[in-house]
Amino acid sequence: MNNNLLNFIGWILFVISSLCFIVSSIGNFWAMGGSIFFFLASIVFLVPFFKKKN
């Protein structure tokens, strides 16, 4: 398993984790805000995996 695949799997697990945090924080404003930022940060770190390489 190469490093890129391992990194990609790790970030996918972070996205799944952040989605679980979002579900668990329903009804709590501050927890929901933090969970959404966690989700967005995980998505931002996934962008390079889908960006075309020149």
PDB file of N, CA and C in Angstrom:
ATOM      1  N   MET A   1       0.857  -1.171   0.000  1.00  0.00           N
ATOM      2  CA  MET A   1       0.000   0.000   0.000  1.00  0.00           C
ATOM      3  C   MET A   1       0.901   1.232   0.000  1.00  0.00           C
ATOM      4  N   ASN A   2       0.687   2.117  -0.967  1.00  0.00           N
ATOM      5  CA  ASN A   2       1.547   3.296  -1.029  1.00  0.00           C
ATOM      6  C   ASN A   2       1.038   4.410  -0.107  1.00  0.00           C
ATOM      7  N   ASN A   3       1.861   5.418   0.083  1.00  0.00           N
ATOM      8  CA  ASN A   3       1.537   6.495   1.017  1.00  0.00           C
ATOM      9  C   ASN A   3       0.309   7.291   0.603  1.00  0.00           C
ATOM     10  N   ASN A   4       0.131   7.538  -0.707  1.00  0.00           N
ATOM     11  CA  ASN A   4      -1.037   8.308  -1.146  1.00  0.00           C
ATOM     12  C   ASN A   4      -2.332   7.591  -0.806  1.00  0.00           C
ATOM     13  N   LEU A   5      -2.383   6.302  -1.029  1.00  0.00           N
ATOM     14  CA  LEU A   5      -3.588   5.539  -0.712  1.00  0.00           C
ATOM     15  C   LEU A   5      -3.839   5.530   0.793  1.00  0.00           C
ATOM     16  N   LEU A   6      -2.802   5.375   1.568  1.00  0.00           N
ATOM     17  CA  LEU A   6      -2.932   5.383   3.022  1.00  0.00           C
ATOM     18  C   LEU A   6      -3.427   6.734   3.520  1.00  0.00           C
ATOM     19  N   ASN A   7      -2.881   7.819   2.976  1.00  0.00           N
ATOM     20  CA  ASN A   7      -3.349   9.156   3.345  1.00  0.00           C
ATOM     21  C   ASN A   7      -4.810   9.356   2.959  1.00  0.00           C
ATOM     22  N   PHE A   8      -5.172   8.905   1.762  1.00  0.00           N
ATOM     23  CA  PHE A   8      -6.547   9.048   1.296  1.00  0.00           C
ATOM     24  C   PHE A   8      -7.510   8.298   2.211  1.00  0.00           C
ATOM     25  N   ILE A   9      -7.173   7.076   2.578  1.00  0.00           N
ATOM     26  CA  ILE A   9      -8.020   6.289   3.479  1.00  0.00           C
ATOM     27  C   ILE A   9      -8.148   6.983   4.832  1.00  0.00           C
ATOM     28  N   GLY A  10      -7.052   7.533   5.321  1.00  0.00           N
ATOM     29  CA  GLY A  10      -7.081   8.268   6.589  1.00  0.00           C
ATOM     30  C   GLY A  10      -8.019   9.452   6.544  1.00  0.00           C
ATOM     31  N   TRP A  11      -7.993  10.212   5.457  1.00  0.00           N
ATOM     32  CA  TRP A  11      -8.871  11.382   5.347  1.00  0.00           C
ATOM     33  C   TRP A  11     -10.318  10.985   5.163  1.00  0.00           C
ATOM     34  N   ILE A  12     -10.568   9.872   4.480  1.00  0.00           N
ATOM     35  CA  ILE A  12     -11.943   9.368   4.362  1.00  0.00           C
ATOM     36  C   ILE A  12     -12.474   8.987   5.749  1.00  0.00           C
ATOM     37  N   LEU A  13     -11.631   8.388   6.562  1.00  0.00           N
ATOM     38  CA  LEU A  13     -12.038   8.053   7.928  1.00  0.00           C
ATOM     39  C   LEU A  13     -12.319   9.310   8.747  1.00  0.00           C
ATOM     40  N   PHE A  14     -11.541  10.374   8.538  1.00  0.00           N
ATOM     41  CA  PHE A  14     -11.812  11.645   9.207  1.00  0.00           C
ATOM     42  C   PHE A  14     -13.159  12.212   8.770  1.00  0.00           C
ATOM     43  N   VAL A  15     -13.486  12.112   7.487  1.00  0.00           N
ATOM     44  CA  VAL A  15     -14.775  12.606   6.996  1.00  0.00           C
ATOM     45  C   VAL A  15     -15.918  11.819   7.637  1.00  0.00           C
ATOM     46  N   ILE A  16     -15.786  10.509   7.692  1.00  0.00           N
ATOM     47  CA  ILE A  16     -16.820   9.685   8.321  1.00  0.00           C
ATOM     48  C   ILE A  16     -16.964  10.048   9.791  1.00  0.00           C
ATOM     49  N   SER A  17     -15.838  10.245  10.465  1.00  0.00           N
ATOM     50  CA  SER A  17     -15.859  10.638  11.869  1.00  0.00           C
ATOM     51  C   SER A  17     -16.552  11.985  12.054  1.00  0.00           C
ATOM     52  N   SER A  18     -16.250  12.933  11.174  1.00  0.00           N
ATOM     53  CA  SER A  18     -16.869  14.251  11.303  1.00  0.00           C
ATOM     54  C   SER A  18     -18.371  14.185  11.063  1.00  0.00           C
ATOM     55  N   LEU A  19     -18.806  13.322  10.141  1.00  0.00           N
ATOM     56  CA  LEU A  19     -20.244  13.158   9.916  1.00  0.00           C
ATOM     57  C   LEU A  19     -20.924  12.565  11.150  1.00  0.00           C
ATOM     58  N   CYS A  20     -20.256  11.644  11.814  1.00  0.00           N
ATOM     59  CA  CYS A  20     -20.802  11.081  13.057  1.00  0.00           C
ATOM     60  C   CYS A  20     -20.884  12.140  14.149  1.00  0.00           C
ATOM     61  N   PHE A  21     -19.889  13.002  14.235  1.00  0.00           N
ATOM     62  CA  PHE A  21     -19.931  14.098  15.201  1.00  0.00           C
ATOM     63  C   PHE A  21     -21.075  15.052  14.898  1.00  0.00           C
ATOM     64  N   ILE A  22     -21.325  15.316  13.622  1.00  0.00           N
ATOM     65  CA  ILE A  22     -22.439  16.198  13.250  1.00  0.00           C
ATOM     66  C   ILE A  22     -23.758  15.594  13.714  1.00  0.00           C
ATOM     67  N   VAL A  23     -23.953  14.312  13.472  1.00  0.00           N
ATOM     68  CA  VAL A  23     -25.193  13.651  13.880  1.00  0.00           C
ATOM     69  C   VAL A  23     -25.334  13.674  15.399  1.00  0.00           C
ATOM     70  N   SER A  24     -24.251  13.413  16.101  1.00  0.00           N
ATOM     71  CA  SER A  24     -24.332  13.354  17.565  1.00  0.00           C
ATOM     72  C   SER A  24     -24.515  14.722  18.204  1.00  0.00           C
ATOM     73  N   SER A  25     -24.210  15.803  17.480  1.00  0.00           N
ATOM     74  CA  SER A  25     -24.301  17.131  18.070  1.00  0.00           C
ATOM     75  C   SER A  25     -25.590  17.860  17.694  1.00  0.00           C
ATOM     76  N   ILE A  26     -26.542  17.151  17.113  1.00  0.00           N
ATOM     77  CA  ILE A  26     -27.830  17.779  16.782  1.00  0.00           C
ATOM     78  C   ILE A  26     -28.470  18.305  18.060  1.00  0.00           C
ATOM     79  N   GLY A  27     -28.846  19.565  18.026  1.00  0.00           N
ATOM     80  CA  GLY A  27     -29.467  20.197  19.184  1.00  0.00           C
ATOM     81  C   GLY A  27     -28.510  21.024  20.023  1.00  0.00           C
ATOM     82  N   ASN A  28     -27.219  20.926  19.781  1.00  0.00           N
ATOM     83  CA  ASN A  28     -26.236  21.707  20.528  1.00  0.00           C
ATOM     84  C   ASN A  28     -25.500  22.617  19.545  1.00  0.00           C
ATOM     85  N   PHE A  29     -25.763  23.910  19.617  1.00  0.00           N
ATOM     86  CA  PHE A  29     -25.254  24.872  18.640  1.00  0.00           C
ATOM     87  C   PHE A  29     -23.734  24.844  18.526  1.00  0.00           C
ATOM     88  N   TRP A  30     -23.026  24.954  19.639  1.00  0.00           N
ATOM     89  CA  TRP A  30     -21.558  25.054  19.586  1.00  0.00           C
ATOM     90  C   TRP A  30     -20.915  23.750  19.133  1.00  0.00           C
ATOM     91  N   ALA A  31     -21.448  22.636  19.570  1.00  0.00           N
ATOM     92  CA  ALA A  31     -20.917  21.351  19.124  1.00  0.00           C
ATOM     93  C   ALA A  31     -21.169  21.152  17.631  1.00  0.00           C
ATOM     94  N   MET A  32     -22.340  21.579  17.171  1.00  0.00           N
ATOM     95  CA  MET A  32     -22.656  21.465  15.745  1.00  0.00           C
ATOM     96  C   MET A  32     -21.714  22.340  14.922  1.00  0.00           C
ATOM     97  N   GLY A  33     -21.442  23.555  15.392  1.00  0.00           N
ATOM     98  CA  GLY A  33     -20.513  24.448  14.680  1.00  0.00           C
ATOM     99  C   GLY A  33     -19.120  23.842  14.580  1.00  0.00           C
ATOM    100  N   GLY A  34     -18.634  23.301  15.672  1.00  0.00           N
ATOM    101  CA  GLY A  34     -17.321  22.661  15.664  1.00  0.00           C
ATOM    102  C   GLY A  34     -17.286  21.436  14.765  1.00  0.00           C
ATOM    103  N   SER A  35     -18.360  20.677  14.767  1.00  0.00           N
ATOM    104  CA  SER A  35     -18.429  19.477  13.923  1.00  0.00           C
ATOM    105  C   SER A  35     -18.431  19.842  12.449  1.00  0.00           C
ATOM    106  N   ILE A  36     -19.127  20.909  12.109  1.00  0.00           N
ATOM    107  CA  ILE A  36     -19.169  21.345  10.709  1.00  0.00           C
ATOM    108  C   ILE A  36     -17.805  21.849  10.262  1.00  0.00           C
ATOM    109  N   PHE A  37     -17.116  22.596  11.117  1.00  0.00           N
ATOM    110  CA  PHE A  37     -15.759  23.045  10.766  1.00  0.00           C
ATOM    111  C   PHE A  37     -14.808  21.863  10.612  1.00  0.00           C
ATOM    112  N   PHE A  38     -14.951  20.850  11.464  1.00  0.00           N
ATOM    113  CA  PHE A  38     -14.149  19.631  11.361  1.00  0.00           C
ATOM    114  C   PHE A  38     -14.403  18.946  10.018  1.00  0.00           C
ATOM    115  N   PHE A  39     -15.671  18.858   9.615  1.00  0.00           N
ATOM    116  CA  PHE A  39     -16.032  18.259   8.338  1.00  0.00           C
ATOM    117  C   PHE A  39     -15.436  19.048   7.171  1.00  0.00           C
ATOM    118  N   LEU A  40     -15.589  20.369   7.201  1.00  0.00           N
ATOM    119  CA  LEU A  40     -15.058  21.202   6.114  1.00  0.00           C
ATOM    120  C   LEU A  40     -13.539  21.102   6.017  1.00  0.00           C
ATOM    121  N   ALA A  41     -12.857  21.072   7.147  1.00  0.00           N
ATOM    122  CA  ALA A  41     -11.395  20.940   7.132  1.00  0.00           C
ATOM    123  C   ALA A  41     -10.984  19.602   6.532  1.00  0.00           C
ATOM    124  N   SER A  42     -11.711  18.558   6.852  1.00  0.00           N
ATOM    125  CA  SER A  42     -11.398  17.247   6.277  1.00  0.00           C
ATOM    126  C   SER A  42     -11.589  17.248   4.767  1.00  0.00           C
ATOM    127  N   ILE A  43     -12.625  17.909   4.286  1.00  0.00           N
ATOM    128  CA  ILE A  43     -12.875  18.001   2.848  1.00  0.00           C
ATOM    129  C   ILE A  43     -11.758  18.795   2.166  1.00  0.00           C
ATOM    130  N   VAL A  44     -11.330  19.882   2.786  1.00  0.00           N
ATOM    131  CA  VAL A  44     -10.253  20.698   2.208  1.00  0.00           C
ATOM    132  C   VAL A  44      -8.976  19.875   2.058  1.00  0.00           C
ATOM    133  N   PHE A  45      -8.673  19.034   3.025  1.00  0.00           N
ATOM    134  CA  PHE A  45      -7.472  18.205   2.930  1.00  0.00           C
ATOM    135  C   PHE A  45      -7.606  17.101   1.885  1.00  0.00           C
ATOM    136  N   LEU A  46      -8.832  16.779   1.470  1.00  0.00           N
ATOM    137  CA  LEU A  46      -9.042  15.789   0.420  1.00  0.00           C
ATOM    138  C   LEU A  46      -8.911  16.373  -0.984  1.00  0.00           C
ATOM    139  N   VAL A  47      -8.999  17.683  -1.121  1.00  0.00           N
ATOM    140  CA  VAL A  47      -8.965  18.332  -2.442  1.00  0.00           C
ATOM    141  C   VAL A  47      -7.740  17.933  -3.270  1.00  0.00           C
ATOM    142  N   PRO A  48      -6.525  17.911  -2.713  1.00  0.00           N
ATOM    143  CA  PRO A  48      -5.363  17.547  -3.542  1.00  0.00           C
ATOM    144  C   PRO A  48      -5.442  16.146  -4.157  1.00  0.00           C
ATOM    145  N   PHE A  49      -6.200  15.256  -3.557  1.00  0.00           N
ATOM    146  CA  PHE A  49      -6.323  13.908  -4.116  1.00  0.00           C
ATOM    147  C   PHE A  49      -7.132  13.894  -5.409  1.00  0.00           C
ATOM    148  N   PHE A  50      -7.999  14.892  -5.591  1.00  0.00           N
ATOM    149  CA  PHE A  50      -8.857  14.942  -6.759  1.00  0.00           C
ATOM    150  C   PHE A  50      -8.410  15.982  -7.783  1.00  0.00           C
ATOM    151  N   LYS A  51      -7.394  16.751  -7.439  1.00  0.00           N
ATOM    152  CA  LYS A  51      -6.875  17.776  -8.331  1.00  0.00           C
ATOM    153  C   LYS A  51      -6.001  17.117  -9.395  1.00  0.00           C
ATOM    154  N   LYS A  52      -6.150  17.555 -10.641  1.00  0.00           N
ATOM    155  CA  LYS A  52      -5.345  16.995 -11.720  1.00  0.00           C
ATOM    156  C   LYS A  52      -3.879  17.365 -11.553  1.00  0.00           C
ATOM    157  N   LYS A  53      -3.033  16.391 -11.807  1.00  0.00           N
ATOM    158  CA  LYS A  53      -1.604  16.647 -11.748  1.00  0.00           C
ATOM    159  C   LYS A  53      -1.115  16.980 -13.148  1.00  0.00           C
ATOM    160  N   ASN A  54      -0.292  18.010 -13.261  1.00  0.00           N
ATOM    161  CA  ASN A  54       0.225  18.434 -14.571  1.00  0.00           C
ATOM    162  C   ASN A  54       1.429  17.642 -14.979  1.00  0.00           C
TER     163      ASN A  54
END
